[in-house]
Structure formats: structure tokens, C-alpha cells
Amino acid sequence: MSSEIISIAAAYIIGSIPFGVLTAKIKGVDLRSVGSGNIGATNVLRTTGKLPALITLLGDFLKGTAAVLLCRFFAGGGDMWEGAAGLSAILGHVFPVFLSFRGGKGVATGFGVLAAYSPVSAVIILIVWLAIAVFTRYSSLAALTAYTALPVIAVLMEASKGEIIFLLLIAFLIIWRHAPNVRRLLNGTESKIGG
């Protein structure tokens, strides 16, 4: 088995590590049965507090970054393989083998992937996310706006075809995972940050 395939498989396992569930469990909380039931930092913030949410955010971010960097180190990298490893890590978060394939939305892990795979894109969409989150206090709307902008940013930056393909796939996956949030935003029942 080639080092590239091993890197992609390892990226999925790394992505599957449920930092939110583990962090909440230390506090005696079953994260999947409280709040929104999501395993990400936003639900951790709502249900267990700021420090556990920060730990979850960092853990989810770093597993995306680690997946890309490990591929770069062990498999020699390249747009195709690093992109595939990054996407695999996000798929691991969204469909984690450790949680019967029921995971989160991939936003923080996606940021982590971008930090290593396309750093300029990561900075730009982080700014977009922060601006929308601060203005509206909707984490989901901030994520939807940021990741919708991602392919456009990639094209404007004249990224390679390989990068654009993987950034499109990453954006599509994360936007698709937010379909229930879109419905709640439209009917006015979406929870705000800190709510």
C-alpha cells in the first residue's frame, strides 16, 4: 500500500477523534444528548462552558492541520494528495468511525485543513466567519457564508485546478452538513452563539 493511501486513511482516523465528546465527558456531560446534539465547539460552549469549547475548537482545528502536514511529510505532498488527506480528515469528523458515523459539521476541522493546505484562503474565510459571527451571533450563518466564499476566493487567487477541486468539495460538504441550520435560520428558530 502506498504512503499516499496510508496518509489518507490515517487522516480519516485522525479526523474521527471526537474532541467535543471527550471534553464534555470529562465534565460528566453526554454531548450528543444535550443542546443541539452536535459534537462541535458551539454545542460544547452552550452545554459545558468556554474552556471545554476552546479545547474542542483547538482539537478539531489541529486534527485537520495534522492530516495535511502528515501527508506532506510522509507522502511528499502535492495538491492532489494533500487535498485528499484534508478532505478525508473532514469526512472523519463528519462521519467518525468512533461514533457510529454520526459526527459534526466539519467547520473547525475544515479551518485546520485550510491552514495547512491553503493558508491565505484560511485567513480570508476566518475573517469572513468572524465578521458574520460578531454581527449576527449565528455560528451556522458565519460558517455558511465563509465556506460559500471559499471557492470564489480560490478562483480569485488563481489556485491550481487541484486545489480548486478540493476546496469546492470541502465547501460543498460543510454547506451540505448545515442543511438543518439553513431551515432553522429561515424559520427563525436557530440558536445564537451564547444562547
C-alpha atoms as a PDB file:
ATOM      1  CA  MET A   1       0.000   0.000   0.000  1.00  0.00           C
ATOM      2  CA  SER A   2       1.409   3.386  -0.990  1.00  0.00           C
ATOM      3  CA  SER A   3       2.312   6.051   1.540  1.00  0.00           C
ATOM      4  CA  GLU A   4      -0.314   8.345  -0.023  1.00  0.00           C
ATOM      5  CA  ILE A   5      -3.141   5.878   0.620  1.00  0.00           C
ATOM      6  CA  ILE A   6      -1.897   5.259   4.153  1.00  0.00           C
ATOM      7  CA  SER A   7      -1.816   9.032   4.735  1.00  0.00           C
ATOM      8  CA  ILE A   8      -5.407   9.407   3.553  1.00  0.00           C
ATOM      9  CA  ALA A   9      -6.568   6.517   5.761  1.00  0.00           C
ATOM     10  CA  ALA A  10      -4.669   7.976   8.736  1.00  0.00           C
ATOM     11  CA  ALA A  11      -6.259  11.371   8.048  1.00  0.00           C
ATOM     12  CA  TYR A  12      -9.711   9.802   8.333  1.00  0.00           C
ATOM     13  CA  ILE A  13      -8.842   8.187  11.684  1.00  0.00           C
ATOM     14  CA  ILE A  14      -7.379  11.457  12.985  1.00  0.00           C
ATOM     15  CA  GLY A  15     -10.488  13.314  11.813  1.00  0.00           C
ATOM     16  CA  SER A  16     -12.687  10.792  13.619  1.00  0.00           C
ATOM     17  CA  ILE A  17     -11.286  11.692  17.056  1.00  0.00           C
ATOM     18  CA  PRO A  18     -14.326  13.314  18.789  1.00  0.00           C
ATOM     19  CA  PHE A  19     -12.701  16.019  20.888  1.00  0.00           C
ATOM     20  CA  GLY A  20     -16.052  17.570  21.767  1.00  0.00           C
ATOM     21  CA  VAL A  21     -17.468  14.300  23.092  1.00  0.00           C
ATOM     22  CA  LEU A  22     -14.292  13.526  25.041  1.00  0.00           C
ATOM     23  CA  THR A  23     -14.046  17.011  26.528  1.00  0.00           C
ATOM     24  CA  ALA A  24     -17.699  17.060  27.557  1.00  0.00           C
ATOM     25  CA  LYS A  25     -17.394  13.563  29.032  1.00  0.00           C
ATOM     26  CA  ILE A  26     -14.692  14.814  31.407  1.00  0.00           C
ATOM     27  CA  LYS A  27     -17.300  17.292  32.661  1.00  0.00           C
ATOM     28  CA  GLY A  28     -19.832  14.477  33.024  1.00  0.00           C
ATOM     29  CA  VAL A  29     -21.895  15.543  30.005  1.00  0.00           C
ATOM     30  CA  ASP A  30     -23.068  13.322  27.140  1.00  0.00           C
ATOM     31  CA  LEU A  31     -22.702  15.909  24.395  1.00  0.00           C
ATOM     32  CA  ARG A  32     -24.883  14.033  21.913  1.00  0.00           C
ATOM     33  CA  SER A  33     -27.885  14.162  24.250  1.00  0.00           C
ATOM     34  CA  VAL A  34     -27.778  17.871  25.169  1.00  0.00           C
ATOM     35  CA  GLY A  35     -28.183  21.141  23.294  1.00  0.00           C
ATOM     36  CA  SER A  36     -28.188  20.613  19.539  1.00  0.00           C
ATOM     37  CA  GLY A  37     -26.653  17.152  19.924  1.00  0.00           C
ATOM     38  CA  ASN A  38     -23.781  18.237  17.690  1.00  0.00           C
ATOM     39  CA  ILE A  39     -20.221  17.252  18.661  1.00  0.00           C
ATOM     40  CA  GLY A  40     -18.604  20.578  17.756  1.00  0.00           C
ATOM     41  CA  ALA A  41     -17.313  23.506  19.789  1.00  0.00           C
ATOM     42  CA  THR A  42     -20.515  25.561  19.517  1.00  0.00           C
ATOM     43  CA  ASN A  43     -22.571  22.907  21.302  1.00  0.00           C
ATOM     44  CA  VAL A  44     -19.782  22.378  23.826  1.00  0.00           C
ATOM     45  CA  LEU A  45     -19.872  26.126  24.552  1.00  0.00           C
ATOM     46  CA  ARG A  46     -23.632  26.046  25.075  1.00  0.00           C
ATOM     47  CA  THR A  47     -23.599  22.999  27.321  1.00  0.00           C
ATOM     48  CA  THR A  48     -20.286  22.816  29.202  1.00  0.00           C
ATOM     49  CA  GLY A  49     -18.649  26.253  29.052  1.00  0.00           C
ATOM     50  CA  LYS A  50     -15.877  28.289  27.483  1.00  0.00           C
ATOM     51  CA  LEU A  51     -12.771  26.274  28.401  1.00  0.00           C
ATOM     52  CA  PRO A  52     -14.130  22.920  27.145  1.00  0.00           C
ATOM     53  CA  ALA A  53     -15.312  24.702  23.983  1.00  0.00           C
ATOM     54  CA  LEU A  54     -11.847  26.179  23.421  1.00  0.00           C
ATOM     55  CA  ILE A  55     -10.212  22.766  23.908  1.00  0.00           C
ATOM     56  CA  THR A  56     -12.683  21.248  21.445  1.00  0.00           C
ATOM     57  CA  LEU A  57     -12.100  24.026  18.930  1.00  0.00           C
ATOM     58  CA  LEU A  58      -8.322  23.603  19.098  1.00  0.00           C
ATOM     59  CA  GLY A  59      -8.540  19.820  18.926  1.00  0.00           C
ATOM     60  CA  ASP A  60     -10.846  19.849  15.906  1.00  0.00           C
ATOM     61  CA  PHE A  61      -8.705  22.503  14.198  1.00  0.00           C
ATOM     62  CA  LEU A  62      -5.421  20.688  14.832  1.00  0.00           C
ATOM     63  CA  LYS A  63      -6.631  17.347  13.546  1.00  0.00           C
ATOM     64  CA  GLY A  64      -7.326  18.996  10.163  1.00  0.00           C
ATOM     65  CA  THR A  65      -3.899  20.613  10.104  1.00  0.00           C
ATOM     66  CA  ALA A  66      -2.192  17.393  11.229  1.00  0.00           C
ATOM     67  CA  ALA A  67      -3.811  15.384   8.440  1.00  0.00           C
ATOM     68  CA  VAL A  68      -2.414  17.647   5.716  1.00  0.00           C
ATOM     69  CA  LEU A  69       1.024  18.017   7.313  1.00  0.00           C
ATOM     70  CA  LEU A  70       1.409  14.272   7.856  1.00  0.00           C
ATOM     71  CA  CYS A  71       0.594  13.670   4.195  1.00  0.00           C
ATOM     72  CA  ARG A  72       3.128  16.319   3.216  1.00  0.00           C
ATOM     73  CA  PHE A  73       5.794  14.771   5.420  1.00  0.00           C
ATOM     74  CA  PHE A  74       5.258  11.062   4.771  1.00  0.00           C
ATOM     75  CA  ALA A  75       3.870  11.051   1.227  1.00  0.00           C
ATOM     76  CA  GLY A  76       5.651  14.021  -0.296  1.00  0.00           C
ATOM     77  CA  GLY A  77       2.501  16.147  -0.501  1.00  0.00           C
ATOM     78  CA  GLY A  78       1.233  17.749  -3.695  1.00  0.00           C
ATOM     79  CA  ASP A  79      -2.126  19.411  -4.324  1.00  0.00           C
ATOM     80  CA  MET A  80      -3.929  16.152  -5.048  1.00  0.00           C
ATOM     81  CA  TRP A  81      -2.766  14.064  -2.089  1.00  0.00           C
ATOM     82  CA  GLU A  82      -2.809  16.863   0.486  1.00  0.00           C
ATOM     83  CA  GLY A  83      -6.286  17.862  -0.652  1.00  0.00           C
ATOM     84  CA  ALA A  84      -7.454  14.258  -0.426  1.00  0.00           C
ATOM     85  CA  ALA A  85      -5.963  13.924   3.079  1.00  0.00           C
ATOM     86  CA  GLY A  86      -7.636  17.147   4.195  1.00  0.00           C
ATOM     87  CA  LEU A  87     -10.991  16.063   2.792  1.00  0.00           C
ATOM     88  CA  SER A  88     -10.548  12.665   4.452  1.00  0.00           C
ATOM     89  CA  ALA A  89      -9.982  14.335   7.847  1.00  0.00           C
ATOM     90  CA  ILE A  90     -13.175  16.374   7.436  1.00  0.00           C
ATOM     91  CA  LEU A  91     -15.077  13.233   6.421  1.00  0.00           C
ATOM     92  CA  GLY A  92     -13.706  11.606   9.568  1.00  0.00           C
ATOM     93  CA  HIS A  93     -15.134  14.425  11.671  1.00  0.00           C
ATOM     94  CA  VAL A  94     -18.476  14.351   9.857  1.00  0.00           C
ATOM     95  CA  PHE A  95     -18.725  10.540   9.752  1.00  0.00           C
ATOM     96  CA  PRO A  96     -16.488   9.353  12.639  1.00  0.00           C
ATOM     97  CA  VAL A  97     -15.854   5.639  12.922  1.00  0.00           C
ATOM     98  CA  PHE A  98     -15.757   6.016  16.723  1.00  0.00           C
ATOM     99  CA  LEU A  99     -19.310   7.434  16.909  1.00  0.00           C
ATOM    100  CA  SER A 100     -21.138   5.097  14.528  1.00  0.00           C
ATOM    101  CA  PHE A 101     -20.513   7.590  11.693  1.00  0.00           C
ATOM    102  CA  ARG A 102     -22.646  10.316  13.303  1.00  0.00           C
ATOM    103  CA  GLY A 103     -20.420  13.354  13.728  1.00  0.00           C
ATOM    104  CA  GLY A 104     -20.225  17.108  13.416  1.00  0.00           C
ATOM    105  CA  LYS A 105     -20.344  19.671  10.662  1.00  0.00           C
ATOM    106  CA  GLY A 106     -16.625  19.989   9.965  1.00  0.00           C
ATOM    107  CA  VAL A 107     -16.188  23.747  10.286  1.00  0.00           C
ATOM    108  CA  ALA A 108     -13.219  23.844  12.690  1.00  0.00           C
ATOM    109  CA  THR A 109     -11.578  20.794  11.097  1.00  0.00           C
ATOM    110  CA  GLY A 110     -12.047  22.489   7.728  1.00  0.00           C
ATOM    111  CA  PHE A 111     -10.287  25.596   9.020  1.00  0.00           C
ATOM    112  CA  GLY A 112      -7.454  23.392  10.231  1.00  0.00           C
ATOM    113  CA  VAL A 113      -7.143  21.745   6.832  1.00  0.00           C
ATOM    114  CA  LEU A 114      -7.084  25.124   5.091  1.00  0.00           C
ATOM    115  CA  ALA A 115      -4.459  26.491   7.488  1.00  0.00           C
ATOM    116  CA  ALA A 116      -2.022  23.907   6.112  1.00  0.00           C
ATOM    117  CA  TYR A 117      -3.408  23.394   2.592  1.00  0.00           C
ATOM    118  CA  SER A 118      -4.302  26.956   1.560  1.00  0.00           C
ATOM    119  CA  PRO A 119      -3.249  29.404   4.323  1.00  0.00           C
ATOM    120  CA  VAL A 120      -4.339  32.595   2.543  1.00  0.00           C
ATOM    121  CA  SER A 121      -7.806  31.138   1.966  1.00  0.00           C
ATOM    122  CA  ALA A 122      -7.931  30.153   5.633  1.00  0.00           C
ATOM    123  CA  VAL A 123      -7.161  33.698   6.782  1.00  0.00           C
ATOM    124  CA  ILE A 124      -9.745  35.249   4.447  1.00  0.00           C
ATOM    125  CA  ILE A 125     -12.598  32.930   5.364  1.00  0.00           C
ATOM    126  CA  LEU A 126     -11.713  33.222   9.057  1.00  0.00           C
ATOM    127  CA  ILE A 127     -12.136  36.989   8.730  1.00  0.00           C
ATOM    128  CA  VAL A 128     -15.470  36.419   6.967  1.00  0.00           C
ATOM    129  CA  TRP A 129     -16.561  33.968   9.676  1.00  0.00           C
ATOM    130  CA  LEU A 130     -15.624  36.339  12.487  1.00  0.00           C
ATOM    131  CA  ALA A 131     -17.355  39.302  10.848  1.00  0.00           C
ATOM    132  CA  ILE A 132     -20.628  37.434  10.337  1.00  0.00           C
ATOM    133  CA  ALA A 133     -20.471  35.731  13.750  1.00  0.00           C
ATOM    134  CA  VAL A 134     -19.872  39.007  15.601  1.00  0.00           C
ATOM    135  CA  PHE A 135     -22.526  40.877  13.622  1.00  0.00           C
ATOM    136  CA  THR A 136     -25.287  38.223  13.727  1.00  0.00           C
ATOM    137  CA  ARG A 137     -24.186  35.867  16.557  1.00  0.00           C
ATOM    138  CA  TYR A 138     -25.157  32.934  14.341  1.00  0.00           C
ATOM    139  CA  SER A 139     -22.287  30.452  14.130  1.00  0.00           C
ATOM    140  CA  SER A 140     -24.051  28.500  11.389  1.00  0.00           C
ATOM    141  CA  LEU A 141     -24.634  31.581   9.219  1.00  0.00           C
ATOM    142  CA  ALA A 142     -20.992  32.581   9.660  1.00  0.00           C
ATOM    143  CA  ALA A 143     -19.855  29.107   8.551  1.00  0.00           C
ATOM    144  CA  LEU A 144     -22.234  29.040   5.586  1.00  0.00           C
ATOM    145  CA  THR A 145     -21.077  32.460   4.401  1.00  0.00           C
ATOM    146  CA  ALA A 146     -17.385  31.678   4.866  1.00  0.00           C
ATOM    147  CA  TYR A 147     -17.452  28.331   3.103  1.00  0.00           C
ATOM    148  CA  THR A 148     -19.674  29.642   0.296  1.00  0.00           C
ATOM    149  CA  ALA A 149     -16.972  32.259  -0.315  1.00  0.00           C
ATOM    150  CA  LEU A 150     -14.180  29.654  -0.293  1.00  0.00           C
ATOM    151  CA  PRO A 151     -14.376  28.505  -3.959  1.00  0.00           C
ATOM    152  CA  VAL A 152     -14.689  32.120  -5.133  1.00  0.00           C
ATOM    153  CA  ILE A 153     -11.591  33.058  -3.139  1.00  0.00           C
ATOM    154  CA  ALA A 154      -9.707  30.105  -4.617  1.00  0.00           C
ATOM    155  CA  VAL A 155     -10.535  31.198  -8.169  1.00  0.00           C
ATOM    156  CA  LEU A 156      -9.624  34.836  -7.473  1.00  0.00           C
ATOM    157  CA  MET A 157      -6.306  33.674  -6.009  1.00  0.00           C
ATOM    158  CA  GLU A 158      -5.681  31.687  -9.206  1.00  0.00           C
ATOM    159  CA  ALA A 159      -5.233  28.469  -7.252  1.00  0.00           C
ATOM    160  CA  SER A 160      -4.301  25.336  -9.153  1.00  0.00           C
ATOM    161  CA  LYS A 161      -7.047  23.160 -10.605  1.00  0.00           C
ATOM    162  CA  GLY A 162      -6.317  20.507  -7.988  1.00  0.00           C
ATOM    163  CA  GLU A 163      -6.690  22.996  -5.151  1.00  0.00           C
ATOM    164  CA  ILE A 164      -9.909  24.424  -6.575  1.00  0.00           C
ATOM    165  CA  ILE A 165     -11.447  20.947  -6.892  1.00  0.00           C
ATOM    166  CA  PHE A 166     -10.679  20.023  -3.292  1.00  0.00           C
ATOM    167  CA  LEU A 167     -11.725  23.427  -1.931  1.00  0.00           C
ATOM    168  CA  LEU A 168     -15.029  23.036  -3.802  1.00  0.00           C
ATOM    169  CA  LEU A 169     -15.524  19.581  -2.304  1.00  0.00           C
ATOM    170  CA  ILE A 170     -14.703  20.829   1.195  1.00  0.00           C
ATOM    171  CA  ALA A 171     -17.101  23.770   0.823  1.00  0.00           C
ATOM    172  CA  PHE A 172     -19.874  21.535  -0.545  1.00  0.00           C
ATOM    173  CA  LEU A 173     -19.516  19.007   2.288  1.00  0.00           C
ATOM    174  CA  ILE A 174     -19.642  21.630   5.031  1.00  0.00           C
ATOM    175  CA  ILE A 175     -22.512  23.560   3.448  1.00  0.00           C
ATOM    176  CA  TRP A 176     -24.459  20.308   2.948  1.00  0.00           C
ATOM    177  CA  ARG A 177     -23.977  19.429   6.620  1.00  0.00           C
ATOM    178  CA  HIS A 178     -25.597  22.752   7.529  1.00  0.00           C
ATOM    179  CA  ALA A 179     -28.908  21.998   5.759  1.00  0.00           C
ATOM    180  CA  PRO A 180     -30.840  21.721   9.080  1.00  0.00           C
ATOM    181  CA  ASN A 181     -29.327  25.041  10.196  1.00  0.00           C
ATOM    182  CA  VAL A 182     -30.485  26.689   6.985  1.00  0.00           C
ATOM    183  CA  ARG A 183     -34.040  25.550   7.704  1.00  0.00           C
ATOM    184  CA  ARG A 184     -33.841  26.893  11.264  1.00  0.00           C
ATOM    185  CA  LEU A 185     -32.375  30.191  10.054  1.00  0.00           C
ATOM    186  CA  LEU A 186     -35.227  30.577   7.592  1.00  0.00           C
ATOM    187  CA  ASN A 187     -37.934  29.886  10.179  1.00  0.00           C
ATOM    188  CA  GLY A 188     -36.245  31.925  12.922  1.00  0.00           C
ATOM    189  CA  THR A 189     -35.507  29.098  15.359  1.00  0.00           C
ATOM    190  CA  GLU A 190     -31.703  28.895  15.017  1.00  0.00           C
ATOM    191  CA  SER A 191     -29.797  29.305  18.286  1.00  0.00           C
ATOM    192  CA  LYS A 192     -27.324  32.163  18.603  1.00  0.00           C
ATOM    193  CA  ILE A 193     -23.793  31.963  19.978  1.00  0.00           C
ATOM    194  CA  GLY A 194     -24.034  32.097  23.747  1.00  0.00           C
ATOM    195  CA  GLY A 195     -27.743  31.402  23.611  1.00  0.00           C
END
